[in-house]
Amino acid sequence: MDASEQKRFSAADYVIFALLLVASVGIGLYHALSGGRQRTTQEFLLADRSMSCLPVSLSLIASFQSAVAIIGVPAEIYTHGTQYWFIGCSYILGLLIPAHVFIPVLYRLQLSSVYQYLELRFSKAVRICGTLTFIFQTVIYMGLCVYTPAFALNAVTGFELWAAVLATGLVCTVYTTMGGLKAVIWTDVFQTLVMFAGQLAVIVVGVQRTGGVSEVWRKVQEGNRISSLDLNPDPTERHTFWTLGVGGVFLMLSLYGVNQAQVQRYLSARTEREAIRSVYMAFPFLQLALALSCTMGLVMFARYCGEDPSERLGTRSRDAMVMYFVMDMLEGLPGLPGLFVACLFSAALSTISSAFNSLATVTMEDLIKPHFPAMTEARATLLSKALALFYGLLCLAMAYLSHLMGESVLQVALKIFGMVGGPILGLSVSGCSSRGPLHRGGSRSGSRSGFGVLGRYREHRHWRLRHENAAVQLQSGQHDGCCPRCTQQRHAEPALWPEEVLLVVLHVVQRVQLPHSRHHRPDHQQPHRPYEGGRRDTRNHLPVVGEAAVLSA
């Protein structure tokens, strides 16, 4: 980007950005010095199971609403229209099922790691496989979350890229290591409010400077940005009701049902009822977050209708254009650009702090404690903090690799969660759906085939998605109308992954061998006996879907 086109921060912008970082560290320091001072793994990893529903619900939002979403969703709407907005339909079932199926099962077992459940239902090998898969997924994703806002800020303002990455990673590592999950949740609450405030400021000022609500609406309509509900069953279409509304349910289940970062928040609640309430409270906030991001994309389109800002920006990256739009709209309003940057980095901090804490939890509970059962509580707590620190430093290394990803950050994020979420969700659903012991060989073959089908799916070029790219295209000559240069072009690109989660879940569930087959009974387990009275064996009589749904009603 040419130096003359770069937007500059004012002193007020730097102050607001710095206040975000200082406040986050301050919250971590407060929780490090208050209460039990993070001296037990129960307090450090699960907040002493003492959290109420409101902070837990806002923390669920903050973990979901990463910088990838704040930048990626407006870029998606700007480029392809509002079809993606229909993913909000999936939030209903995507939250109801975890609330009444997964939470009752996991909360009553008093587990620290969701992968402990896989061992109870399958075997230790499946538990370790799930843990390593989650670590792989989360390490890659947290690098993307740190790099995304830093790249956008650097592309538009010239702010030093790696200074922003380093500041974000170190601040997050400090307050996560000092304050544990309780600090993570309360900083999430603060950062969620900052996120909403930053997006709202951009929308209000953007609408005003574009000519008002009616003018924005006129331009997005004439520019074919308002998409109708597409019921086309063709799975190669980029976005339809089936891929977003149905595939999105499975994506939500993989995030809110069996993802360790989210499950850990449920387990930190004071009671099971508080955990369920937190999911219900999260629904309107999730819809608000989606609406703000999509509206930003529409206002961005209305602002640049008939021109291509990528020429001034010097890059075709739609993600960088979102940051350029923000700085363009808020220019001359000291403090507001800093507020949006604080919003962007709040989203990054909330996501990666959740990642650090959950990674420390699964590493300790699933990989270390089983081999060192005599480890003292003090040593386990110290090691948990060291693990959080280690993953914080690893995040910085992964941020360096993220710049090699040449796709939209939203697309990369959906790929990461789709690739891993499908097999793990399939195993968890299989475990929750049957009372009896399940065959570990079947679970392993199912998970392997789940990952395998993704690889094969990506290899075949004829499975590439078709979509309408309604992005601004510059054409020569004079034109009439509001959006003379907006033309729709047909493209094919690799699939977005909500629908791939659906494919993998079905494939894994199909391959897992259920206990009704007498040929698949593990030698080391006793024959399954029906549930009798109030007695429940920890392996053969775990809470299951039907029972959990009745008990939680």
Protein backbone atom coordinates (compact mmCIF):
# COMPACT_ATOMS: atom_id res chain seq x y z
CA MET A 1 0.00 0.00 0.00
CA ASP A 2 1.31 3.44 -0.92
CA ALA A 3 2.43 5.50 2.08
CA SER A 4 0.15 8.36 1.08
CA GLU A 5 -2.89 6.05 1.25
CA GLN A 6 -2.06 4.59 4.66
CA LYS A 7 -4.33 5.57 7.52
CA ARG A 8 -2.64 6.75 10.70
CA PHE A 9 -3.51 6.28 14.33
CA SER A 10 -3.92 9.30 16.57
CA ALA A 11 -2.65 9.44 20.13
CA ALA A 12 -6.18 8.71 21.38
CA ASP A 13 -6.29 5.53 19.29
CA TYR A 14 -3.04 4.26 20.80
CA VAL A 15 -4.30 5.07 24.30
CA ILE A 16 -7.52 3.08 23.82
CA PHE A 17 -5.63 0.12 22.38
CA ALA A 18 -3.15 0.22 25.25
CA LEU A 19 -5.97 0.40 27.80
CA LEU A 20 -7.38 -2.85 26.42
CA LEU A 21 -4.08 -4.64 26.97
CA VAL A 22 -3.56 -3.14 30.43
CA ALA A 23 -7.11 -3.99 31.53
CA SER A 24 -6.71 -7.59 30.38
CA VAL A 25 -3.48 -8.02 32.32
CA GLY A 26 -5.06 -6.28 35.32
CA ILE A 27 -7.95 -8.77 35.40
CA GLY A 28 -5.49 -11.66 35.26
CA LEU A 29 -3.39 -10.15 38.05
CA TYR A 30 -6.48 -9.62 40.24
CA HIS A 31 -7.53 -13.25 40.00
CA ALA A 32 -3.95 -14.40 40.54
CA LEU A 33 -3.87 -12.58 43.88
CA SER A 34 -7.47 -13.14 45.04
CA GLY A 35 -9.48 -16.17 46.11
CA GLY A 36 -7.36 -19.29 46.31
CA ARG A 37 -4.59 -17.62 44.27
CA GLN A 38 -4.71 -20.38 41.64
CA ARG A 39 -3.06 -22.95 43.91
CA THR A 40 -5.07 -25.94 42.75
CA THR A 41 -5.79 -27.41 39.34
CA GLN A 42 -9.50 -27.21 40.15
CA GLU A 43 -9.23 -23.42 40.50
CA PHE A 44 -6.74 -22.85 37.69
CA LEU A 45 -8.41 -25.06 35.08
CA LEU A 46 -12.09 -24.99 36.13
CA ALA A 47 -12.47 -21.75 38.15
CA ASP A 48 -13.41 -23.86 41.21
CA ARG A 49 -16.72 -24.64 39.44
CA SER A 50 -18.00 -21.35 40.86
CA MET A 51 -19.10 -19.28 37.84
CA SER A 52 -22.63 -17.95 37.27
CA CYS A 53 -24.48 -18.19 33.96
CA LEU A 54 -24.00 -14.61 32.68
CA PRO A 55 -20.18 -14.50 32.58
CA VAL A 56 -20.11 -18.05 31.23
CA SER A 57 -22.52 -17.14 28.41
CA LEU A 58 -20.52 -14.04 27.44
CA SER A 59 -17.34 -16.11 27.55
CA LEU A 60 -18.93 -18.62 25.17
CA ILE A 61 -19.63 -15.74 22.79
CA ALA A 62 -16.12 -14.32 23.07
CA SER A 63 -14.52 -17.68 22.32
CA PHE A 64 -16.74 -18.12 19.25
CA GLN A 65 -16.53 -14.53 18.00
CA SER A 66 -12.85 -14.44 17.11
CA ALA A 67 -11.01 -11.84 15.05
CA VAL A 68 -11.46 -14.27 12.17
CA ALA A 69 -15.24 -13.75 12.37
CA ILE A 70 -15.08 -9.98 12.83
CA ILE A 71 -12.96 -9.61 9.70
CA GLY A 72 -13.98 -12.70 7.73
CA VAL A 73 -17.77 -12.39 7.90
CA PRO A 74 -17.96 -8.76 6.62
CA ALA A 75 -15.56 -9.75 3.83
CA GLU A 76 -17.82 -12.71 2.98
CA ILE A 77 -20.94 -10.52 2.86
CA TYR A 78 -19.14 -7.84 0.82
CA THR A 79 -17.98 -10.41 -1.72
CA HIS A 80 -20.87 -12.88 -1.95
CA GLY A 81 -23.96 -11.30 -0.42
CA THR A 82 -26.08 -12.18 2.60
CA GLN A 83 -26.52 -15.93 2.00
CA TYR A 84 -24.05 -16.67 4.81
CA TRP A 85 -26.39 -14.90 7.26
CA PHE A 86 -28.66 -17.96 7.13
CA ILE A 87 -26.14 -19.84 9.27
CA GLY A 88 -27.92 -18.15 12.18
CA CYS A 89 -30.76 -20.65 11.64
CA SER A 90 -28.41 -23.40 12.80
CA TYR A 91 -27.84 -21.71 16.16
CA ILE A 92 -31.19 -22.94 17.51
CA LEU A 93 -30.53 -26.69 17.34
CA GLY A 94 -26.79 -26.09 17.58
CA LEU A 95 -27.31 -24.78 21.13
CA LEU A 96 -30.39 -26.74 22.26
CA ILE A 97 -28.74 -30.12 21.70
CA PRO A 98 -25.59 -29.33 23.73
CA ALA A 99 -27.76 -27.82 26.49
CA HIS A 100 -29.94 -30.90 26.94
CA VAL A 101 -27.71 -33.72 25.73
CA PHE A 102 -24.00 -33.06 26.18
CA ILE A 103 -24.00 -30.77 29.23
CA PRO A 104 -26.03 -33.12 31.49
CA VAL A 105 -23.84 -36.08 30.57
CA LEU A 106 -20.49 -34.31 30.99
CA TYR A 107 -21.42 -32.20 34.01
CA ARG A 108 -22.69 -35.14 36.07
CA LEU A 109 -19.52 -37.10 35.43
CA GLN A 110 -17.50 -34.18 36.89
CA LEU A 111 -14.84 -34.48 34.21
CA SER A 112 -12.13 -31.93 33.48
CA SER A 113 -11.55 -32.99 29.88
CA VAL A 114 -14.20 -33.95 27.35
CA TYR A 115 -11.81 -36.62 26.06
CA GLN A 116 -12.00 -38.49 29.36
CA TYR A 117 -15.49 -39.41 28.23
CA LEU A 118 -14.07 -41.05 25.11
CA GLU A 119 -12.00 -43.36 27.29
CA LEU A 120 -15.02 -44.24 29.43
CA ARG A 121 -17.04 -45.13 26.34
CA PHE A 122 -14.30 -46.52 24.09
CA SER A 123 -10.70 -46.90 25.22
CA LYS A 124 -7.61 -45.01 26.29
CA ALA A 125 -6.30 -45.06 22.72
CA VAL A 126 -9.40 -43.22 21.48
CA ARG A 127 -9.02 -40.68 24.29
CA ILE A 128 -5.41 -39.98 23.33
CA CYS A 129 -6.34 -39.77 19.65
CA GLY A 130 -9.04 -37.21 20.44
CA THR A 131 -6.68 -35.20 22.63
CA LEU A 132 -3.90 -35.07 20.06
CA THR A 133 -6.40 -34.14 17.36
CA PHE A 134 -7.74 -31.26 19.46
CA ILE A 135 -4.21 -30.02 20.18
CA PHE A 136 -3.38 -30.09 16.47
CA GLN A 137 -6.56 -28.19 15.57
CA THR A 138 -6.26 -25.57 18.29
CA VAL A 139 -2.57 -24.81 17.85
CA ILE A 140 -3.12 -24.07 14.15
CA TYR A 141 -6.26 -22.02 14.77
CA MET A 142 -4.81 -19.86 17.54
CA GLY A 143 -1.91 -18.88 15.27
CA LEU A 144 -4.46 -17.75 12.68
CA CYS A 145 -6.38 -15.77 15.32
CA VAL A 146 -3.27 -13.86 16.39
CA TYR A 147 -2.03 -13.20 12.86
CA THR A 148 -5.35 -12.05 11.33
CA PRO A 149 -5.87 -8.73 13.19
CA ALA A 150 -2.16 -7.92 13.09
CA PHE A 151 -2.04 -8.43 9.32
CA ALA A 152 -5.14 -6.29 8.72
CA LEU A 153 -3.78 -3.52 10.93
CA ASN A 154 -0.39 -3.61 9.23
CA ALA A 155 -1.87 -3.60 5.71
CA VAL A 156 -3.88 -0.44 6.34
CA THR A 157 -1.99 1.61 8.93
CA GLY A 158 1.58 0.41 8.55
CA PHE A 159 1.56 -0.67 12.22
CA GLU A 160 4.45 -3.09 12.74
CA LEU A 161 3.05 -6.57 12.03
CA TRP A 162 5.15 -8.65 14.39
CA ALA A 163 5.01 -6.06 17.16
CA ALA A 164 1.22 -6.45 17.15
CA VAL A 165 1.52 -10.25 17.08
CA LEU A 166 4.04 -10.22 19.93
CA ALA A 167 1.99 -7.83 22.07
CA THR A 168 -1.18 -9.88 21.63
CA GLY A 169 0.49 -13.21 22.30
CA LEU A 170 2.46 -12.08 25.35
CA VAL A 171 -0.41 -10.19 27.01
CA CYS A 172 -2.71 -13.16 26.57
CA THR A 173 -0.09 -15.57 27.86
CA VAL A 174 0.52 -13.44 30.95
CA TYR A 175 -3.08 -13.12 32.14
CA THR A 176 -3.95 -16.72 31.27
CA THR A 177 -0.94 -18.08 33.14
CA MET A 178 -1.51 -15.86 36.17
CA GLY A 179 -5.27 -15.95 36.57
CA GLY A 180 -6.38 -19.29 35.16
CA LEU A 181 -9.84 -19.94 33.75
CA LYS A 182 -11.52 -17.42 36.04
CA ALA A 183 -9.36 -14.63 34.60
CA VAL A 184 -10.03 -15.91 31.09
CA ILE A 185 -13.81 -15.82 31.61
CA TRP A 186 -13.89 -12.34 33.17
CA THR A 187 -11.58 -10.88 30.52
CA ASP A 188 -13.90 -12.47 27.95
CA VAL A 189 -16.81 -10.54 29.50
CA PHE A 190 -14.90 -7.26 29.21
CA GLN A 191 -13.67 -8.05 25.71
CA THR A 192 -17.15 -9.04 24.48
CA LEU A 193 -18.48 -5.61 25.44
CA VAL A 194 -15.53 -3.99 23.64
CA MET A 195 -16.24 -6.10 20.53
CA PHE A 196 -19.88 -5.08 20.36
CA ALA A 197 -19.02 -1.41 20.97
CA GLY A 198 -16.37 -1.36 18.23
CA GLN A 199 -18.59 -2.97 15.60
CA LEU A 200 -21.55 -0.78 16.49
CA ALA A 201 -19.42 2.37 16.18
CA VAL A 202 -18.30 1.38 12.68
CA ILE A 203 -21.87 0.63 11.56
CA VAL A 204 -23.37 3.84 12.95
CA VAL A 205 -20.68 6.11 11.49
CA GLY A 206 -20.59 4.13 8.22
CA VAL A 207 -24.34 4.40 7.69
CA GLN A 208 -24.24 8.12 8.46
CA ARG A 209 -21.37 8.82 6.06
CA THR A 210 -22.87 6.67 3.31
CA GLY A 211 -26.11 8.64 3.24
CA GLY A 212 -28.35 7.00 5.80
CA VAL A 213 -30.14 3.69 6.20
CA SER A 214 -32.33 4.15 3.11
CA GLU A 215 -29.33 4.88 0.90
CA VAL A 216 -27.41 1.87 2.19
CA TRP A 217 -30.43 -0.34 1.60
CA ARG A 218 -30.92 1.00 -1.93
CA LYS A 219 -27.31 0.34 -2.88
CA VAL A 220 -27.15 -3.19 -1.50
CA GLN A 221 -30.42 -4.06 -3.25
CA GLU A 222 -29.28 -2.67 -6.58
CA GLY A 223 -25.96 -4.40 -6.09
CA ASN A 224 -27.69 -7.79 -5.62
CA ARG A 225 -26.35 -8.23 -2.12
CA ILE A 226 -29.63 -9.34 -0.51
CA SER A 227 -29.86 -13.09 -1.04
CA SER A 228 -33.06 -15.10 -0.84
CA LEU A 229 -33.28 -18.50 0.81
CA ASP A 230 -31.68 -21.05 -1.53
CA LEU A 231 -33.24 -24.53 -1.18
CA ASN A 232 -31.12 -26.06 -3.94
CA PRO A 233 -30.07 -29.53 -2.67
CA ASP A 234 -26.92 -29.54 -4.81
CA PRO A 235 -24.03 -29.92 -2.29
CA THR A 236 -21.58 -28.26 -4.66
CA GLU A 237 -23.31 -24.89 -4.34
CA ARG A 238 -21.31 -22.56 -2.13
CA HIS A 239 -24.08 -21.62 0.31
CA THR A 240 -27.60 -23.02 0.51
CA PHE A 241 -30.08 -23.54 3.33
CA TRP A 242 -28.92 -27.16 3.58
CA THR A 243 -25.21 -26.45 3.86
CA LEU A 244 -25.70 -23.54 6.26
CA GLY A 245 -28.84 -24.49 8.15
CA VAL A 246 -28.21 -28.24 8.40
CA GLY A 247 -24.45 -28.47 8.02
CA GLY A 248 -24.17 -25.47 10.34
CA VAL A 249 -25.96 -27.42 13.08
CA PHE A 250 -23.21 -30.02 13.02
CA LEU A 251 -20.57 -27.31 12.96
CA MET A 252 -22.20 -25.74 16.04
CA LEU A 253 -22.38 -29.12 17.75
CA SER A 254 -18.68 -29.69 17.15
CA LEU A 255 -17.98 -26.27 18.70
CA TYR A 256 -20.53 -26.06 21.51
CA GLY A 257 -21.03 -29.75 22.20
CA VAL A 258 -17.63 -31.42 22.25
CA ASN A 259 -15.02 -28.67 21.89
CA GLN A 260 -12.87 -28.60 25.03
CA ALA A 261 -12.69 -24.79 25.22
CA GLN A 262 -16.49 -24.51 25.37
CA VAL A 263 -17.08 -27.60 27.51
CA GLN A 264 -14.61 -26.26 30.06
CA ARG A 265 -16.84 -23.21 30.51
CA TYR A 266 -19.88 -25.39 31.12
CA LEU A 267 -17.94 -27.35 33.72
CA SER A 268 -16.90 -24.13 35.48
CA ALA A 269 -20.54 -23.27 36.24
CA ARG A 270 -21.79 -23.61 39.82
CA THR A 271 -24.53 -26.05 38.91
CA GLU A 272 -25.76 -27.99 35.92
CA ARG A 273 -28.76 -25.65 35.68
CA GLU A 274 -26.43 -22.62 35.52
CA ALA A 275 -24.48 -24.30 32.71
CA ILE A 276 -27.68 -24.91 30.72
CA ARG A 277 -28.87 -21.35 31.31
CA SER A 278 -25.57 -20.00 30.01
CA VAL A 279 -26.23 -21.71 26.67
CA TYR A 280 -29.72 -20.22 26.43
CA MET A 281 -28.34 -16.78 27.27
CA ALA A 282 -25.68 -17.17 24.60
CA PHE A 283 -28.25 -17.49 21.79
CA PRO A 284 -29.34 -13.81 21.52
CA PHE A 285 -25.73 -12.65 21.88
CA LEU A 286 -24.65 -14.98 19.07
CA GLN A 287 -27.40 -13.64 16.83
CA LEU A 288 -26.36 -10.08 17.70
CA ALA A 289 -22.72 -10.83 16.89
CA LEU A 290 -23.70 -12.35 13.53
CA ALA A 291 -26.01 -9.42 12.72
CA LEU A 292 -23.31 -6.84 13.50
CA SER A 293 -20.71 -8.61 11.34
CA CYS A 294 -23.10 -9.07 8.40
CA THR A 295 -24.35 -5.49 8.63
CA MET A 296 -20.75 -4.26 8.52
CA GLY A 297 -20.32 -6.14 5.25
CA LEU A 298 -23.43 -4.51 3.76
CA VAL A 299 -22.37 -1.01 4.81
CA MET A 300 -18.91 -1.70 3.40
CA PHE A 301 -20.45 -2.65 0.05
CA ALA A 302 -22.65 0.46 0.02
CA ARG A 303 -19.61 2.63 0.72
CA TYR A 304 -17.50 1.20 -2.14
CA CYS A 305 -20.33 0.55 -4.60
CA GLY A 306 -18.98 1.23 -8.09
CA GLU A 307 -15.29 1.25 -7.17
CA ASP A 308 -12.59 -1.18 -6.18
CA PRO A 309 -10.71 -0.19 -3.00
CA SER A 310 -8.17 -2.96 -3.56
CA GLU A 311 -6.32 -0.73 -6.02
CA ARG A 312 -5.70 1.89 -3.33
CA LEU A 313 -4.96 -0.79 -0.77
CA GLY A 314 -2.44 -2.60 -2.95
CA THR A 315 -3.82 -6.08 -2.18
CA ARG A 316 -6.75 -8.20 -3.31
CA SER A 317 -7.25 -9.50 0.23
CA ARG A 318 -10.89 -8.94 1.22
CA ASP A 319 -9.87 -9.32 4.84
CA ALA A 320 -7.49 -6.35 4.62
CA MET A 321 -10.24 -4.36 2.88
CA VAL A 322 -12.41 -4.64 5.98
CA MET A 323 -9.76 -2.88 8.04
CA TYR A 324 -9.32 -0.28 5.30
CA PHE A 325 -13.08 0.36 5.32
CA VAL A 326 -13.04 0.84 9.10
CA MET A 327 -10.17 3.32 8.99
CA ASP A 328 -11.78 5.11 6.04
CA MET A 329 -15.14 5.46 7.83
CA LEU A 330 -13.68 6.51 11.19
CA GLU A 331 -11.07 8.89 9.80
CA GLY A 332 -11.13 12.24 11.59
CA LEU A 333 -12.80 10.79 14.70
CA PRO A 334 -9.99 10.39 17.25
CA GLY A 335 -10.38 7.34 19.43
CA LEU A 336 -12.91 5.46 17.30
CA PRO A 337 -10.32 3.70 15.09
CA GLY A 338 -8.59 2.68 18.30
CA LEU A 339 -11.91 1.36 19.63
CA PHE A 340 -12.36 -0.90 16.61
CA VAL A 341 -8.77 -2.11 16.80
CA ALA A 342 -9.42 -2.84 20.47
CA CYS A 343 -12.55 -4.71 19.34
CA LEU A 344 -10.50 -6.72 16.85
CA PHE A 345 -7.77 -7.60 19.31
CA SER A 346 -10.33 -8.32 22.04
CA ALA A 347 -11.71 -11.02 19.78
CA ALA A 348 -8.22 -12.40 19.25
CA LEU A 349 -7.35 -12.30 22.96
CA SER A 350 -10.56 -14.02 24.02
CA THR A 351 -10.11 -16.84 21.54
CA ILE A 352 -6.46 -17.59 22.15
CA SER A 353 -6.75 -17.29 25.95
CA SER A 354 -9.46 -19.96 25.77
CA ALA A 355 -7.14 -22.02 23.61
CA PHE A 356 -4.21 -21.73 26.04
CA ASN A 357 -6.30 -22.79 29.02
CA SER A 358 -8.02 -25.68 27.26
CA LEU A 359 -4.74 -26.92 25.79
CA ALA A 360 -3.16 -26.90 29.24
CA THR A 361 -6.16 -28.81 30.59
CA VAL A 362 -6.20 -31.62 28.04
CA THR A 363 -2.42 -31.98 28.11
CA MET A 364 -2.43 -32.29 31.89
CA GLU A 365 -5.54 -34.44 32.30
CA ASP A 366 -5.20 -36.70 29.26
CA LEU A 367 -1.46 -36.98 28.58
CA ILE A 368 0.40 -36.35 31.85
CA LYS A 369 -1.75 -37.29 34.86
CA PRO A 370 -2.51 -40.84 33.67
CA HIS A 371 1.23 -41.55 33.66
CA PHE A 372 1.95 -39.77 36.95
CA PRO A 373 -1.02 -40.57 39.21
CA ALA A 374 0.97 -39.78 42.38
CA MET A 375 1.72 -36.19 41.31
CA THR A 376 0.96 -33.71 44.09
CA GLU A 377 -1.68 -31.01 43.63
CA ALA A 378 0.88 -28.22 43.98
CA ARG A 379 3.13 -29.72 41.33
CA ALA A 380 0.20 -30.39 38.98
CA THR A 381 -0.93 -26.75 39.29
CA LEU A 382 2.58 -25.46 38.61
CA LEU A 383 2.89 -27.73 35.59
CA SER A 384 -0.51 -26.55 34.29
CA LYS A 385 0.71 -22.95 34.42
CA ALA A 386 3.92 -23.95 32.65
CA LEU A 387 1.86 -25.64 29.93
CA ALA A 388 -0.22 -22.48 29.44
CA LEU A 389 3.02 -20.52 29.09
CA PHE A 390 4.41 -23.06 26.62
CA TYR A 391 1.33 -22.94 24.41
CA GLY A 392 1.42 -19.16 24.53
CA LEU A 393 4.91 -19.16 23.07
CA LEU A 394 3.95 -21.84 20.55
CA CYS A 395 1.11 -19.57 19.42
CA LEU A 396 3.62 -16.95 18.33
CA ALA A 397 5.43 -19.52 16.20
CA MET A 398 2.16 -20.61 14.59
CA ALA A 399 1.30 -16.99 13.81
CA TYR A 400 4.39 -16.91 11.60
CA LEU A 401 3.10 -19.91 9.63
CA SER A 402 -0.35 -18.36 9.23
CA HIS A 403 0.86 -15.84 6.67
CA LEU A 404 1.44 -18.77 4.30
CA MET A 405 -2.32 -19.41 4.13
CA GLY A 406 -3.49 -17.62 1.01
CA GLU A 407 -7.24 -17.96 1.51
CA SER A 408 -9.96 -16.01 3.27
CA VAL A 409 -9.50 -16.30 7.02
CA LEU A 410 -13.15 -17.33 7.39
CA GLN A 411 -12.64 -20.16 4.93
CA VAL A 412 -9.45 -21.34 6.63
CA ALA A 413 -11.14 -21.28 10.04
CA LEU A 414 -14.11 -23.33 8.83
CA LYS A 415 -11.73 -25.85 7.28
CA ILE A 416 -9.83 -26.27 10.53
CA PHE A 417 -12.96 -26.82 12.61
CA GLY A 418 -14.63 -28.97 9.97
CA MET A 419 -11.65 -31.27 9.56
CA VAL A 420 -11.39 -32.03 13.28
CA GLY A 421 -14.88 -31.37 14.59
CA GLY A 422 -16.59 -34.01 12.44
CA PRO A 423 -14.72 -37.11 13.66
CA ILE A 424 -14.74 -36.04 17.32
CA LEU A 425 -18.44 -35.17 17.18
CA GLY A 426 -19.19 -38.52 15.53
CA LEU A 427 -17.40 -40.40 18.30
CA SER A 428 -19.11 -38.39 21.03
CA VAL A 429 -22.56 -38.89 19.52
CA SER A 430 -21.90 -42.62 19.27
CA GLY A 431 -20.81 -42.71 22.90
CA CYS A 432 -23.82 -40.74 24.14
CA SER A 433 -26.30 -42.76 22.09
CA SER A 434 -25.77 -46.15 23.70
CA ARG A 435 -25.73 -47.43 27.27
CA GLY A 436 -23.46 -50.37 26.65
CA PRO A 437 -19.69 -50.61 26.06
CA LEU A 438 -18.58 -49.75 22.56
CA HIS A 439 -15.94 -51.53 20.55
CA ARG A 440 -12.68 -49.60 20.51
CA GLY A 441 -11.59 -51.11 17.19
CA GLY A 442 -14.72 -49.79 15.55
CA SER A 443 -14.16 -46.33 17.02
CA ARG A 444 -10.60 -46.20 15.76
CA SER A 445 -11.56 -47.33 12.26
CA GLY A 446 -14.43 -44.86 12.29
CA SER A 447 -12.22 -41.92 13.23
CA ARG A 448 -9.59 -42.94 10.68
CA SER A 449 -12.20 -43.19 7.96
CA GLY A 450 -13.61 -39.84 9.05
CA PHE A 451 -10.28 -38.13 8.48
CA GLY A 452 -9.71 -40.18 5.35
CA VAL A 453 -12.94 -39.14 3.68
CA LEU A 454 -11.88 -35.51 4.11
CA GLY A 455 -8.64 -36.16 2.28
CA ARG A 456 -10.39 -37.94 -0.57
CA TYR A 457 -13.07 -35.27 -0.67
CA ARG A 458 -10.46 -32.56 -1.12
CA GLU A 459 -8.61 -34.44 -3.85
CA HIS A 460 -11.47 -34.53 -6.35
CA ARG A 461 -11.63 -31.34 -8.31
CA HIS A 462 -15.22 -31.96 -9.46
CA TRP A 463 -16.36 -31.50 -5.83
CA ARG A 464 -15.34 -27.88 -5.87
CA LEU A 465 -18.10 -25.49 -4.94
CA ARG A 466 -19.80 -23.21 -7.42
CA HIS A 467 -20.69 -19.77 -6.23
CA GLU A 468 -21.65 -16.36 -7.44
CA ASN A 469 -18.83 -13.91 -6.84
CA ALA A 470 -20.61 -10.57 -6.85
CA ALA A 471 -17.46 -8.71 -5.94
CA VAL A 472 -16.76 -5.35 -7.51
CA GLN A 473 -15.33 -5.76 -10.99
CA LEU A 474 -13.86 -2.75 -12.78
CA GLN A 475 -15.04 -2.31 -16.32
CA SER A 476 -14.33 0.35 -18.88
CA GLY A 477 -16.85 2.79 -20.29
CA GLN A 478 -19.74 4.78 -18.86
CA HIS A 479 -22.53 3.09 -16.94
CA ASP A 480 -25.80 4.07 -15.38
CA GLY A 481 -27.18 3.14 -12.00
CA CYS A 482 -25.90 2.92 -8.48
CA CYS A 483 -23.65 -0.08 -8.95
CA PRO A 484 -22.59 0.07 -12.61
CA ARG A 485 -19.45 -1.94 -12.11
CA CYS A 486 -20.83 -4.76 -10.01
CA THR A 487 -21.00 -7.86 -12.15
CA GLN A 488 -21.61 -11.42 -11.06
CA GLN A 489 -19.13 -14.04 -12.13
CA ARG A 490 -19.32 -17.79 -11.72
CA HIS A 491 -16.39 -19.32 -9.87
CA ALA A 492 -15.39 -22.64 -8.40
CA GLU A 493 -13.40 -22.89 -5.21
CA PRO A 494 -12.68 -25.42 -2.44
CA ALA A 495 -15.66 -26.17 -0.24
CA LEU A 496 -16.47 -24.26 2.88
CA TRP A 497 -16.76 -26.78 5.63
CA PRO A 498 -20.06 -26.77 7.54
CA GLU A 499 -21.30 -29.34 5.04
CA GLU A 500 -18.08 -31.32 5.37
CA VAL A 501 -18.70 -31.65 9.10
CA LEU A 502 -22.06 -33.22 8.24
CA LEU A 503 -20.45 -35.70 5.84
CA VAL A 504 -17.80 -36.75 8.33
CA VAL A 505 -20.20 -37.09 11.28
CA LEU A 506 -22.43 -39.42 9.28
CA HIS A 507 -19.46 -41.41 8.04
CA VAL A 508 -17.97 -41.87 11.51
CA VAL A 509 -21.28 -42.82 13.15
CA GLN A 510 -21.84 -45.35 10.39
CA ARG A 511 -18.42 -46.94 10.92
CA VAL A 512 -18.48 -47.10 14.73
CA GLN A 513 -19.60 -50.60 15.73
CA LEU A 514 -22.37 -50.42 18.28
CA PRO A 515 -22.76 -52.87 21.17
CA HIS A 516 -25.75 -54.80 19.88
CA SER A 517 -23.38 -56.89 17.73
CA ARG A 518 -22.19 -59.86 19.79
CA HIS A 519 -19.16 -60.29 17.56
CA HIS A 520 -17.70 -56.96 18.67
CA ARG A 521 -17.58 -57.36 22.43
CA PRO A 522 -14.15 -56.40 23.82
CA ASP A 523 -12.44 -59.25 25.67
CA HIS A 524 -11.53 -57.10 28.68
CA GLN A 525 -15.11 -55.99 29.35
CA GLN A 526 -17.88 -57.94 31.03
CA PRO A 527 -21.12 -58.62 29.18
CA HIS A 528 -23.42 -55.64 29.44
CA ARG A 529 -26.25 -55.95 31.95
CA PRO A 530 -29.36 -53.79 31.87
CA TYR A 531 -29.45 -50.75 34.12
CA GLU A 532 -30.85 -51.69 37.53
CA GLY A 533 -32.27 -49.26 40.04
CA GLY A 534 -30.08 -46.34 40.96
CA ARG A 535 -26.78 -48.19 40.58
CA ARG A 536 -24.55 -47.09 37.72
CA ASP A 537 -21.25 -48.66 36.75
CA THR A 538 -18.80 -45.99 35.60
CA ARG A 539 -18.01 -47.74 32.31
CA ASN A 540 -21.10 -49.64 31.27
CA HIS A 541 -23.79 -47.35 32.71
CA LEU A 542 -22.71 -43.84 31.81
CA PRO A 543 -25.40 -41.20 31.30
CA VAL A 544 -26.65 -41.32 27.72
CA VAL A 545 -28.69 -39.12 25.42
CA GLY A 546 -32.21 -40.26 26.26
CA GLU A 547 -31.62 -40.37 30.01
CA ALA A 548 -29.82 -37.02 30.05
CA ALA A 549 -32.57 -35.32 28.07
CA VAL A 550 -35.24 -36.56 30.48
CA LEU A 551 -33.32 -35.68 33.62
CA SER A 552 -32.45 -32.18 32.40
CA ALA A 553 -36.00 -31.28 31.39
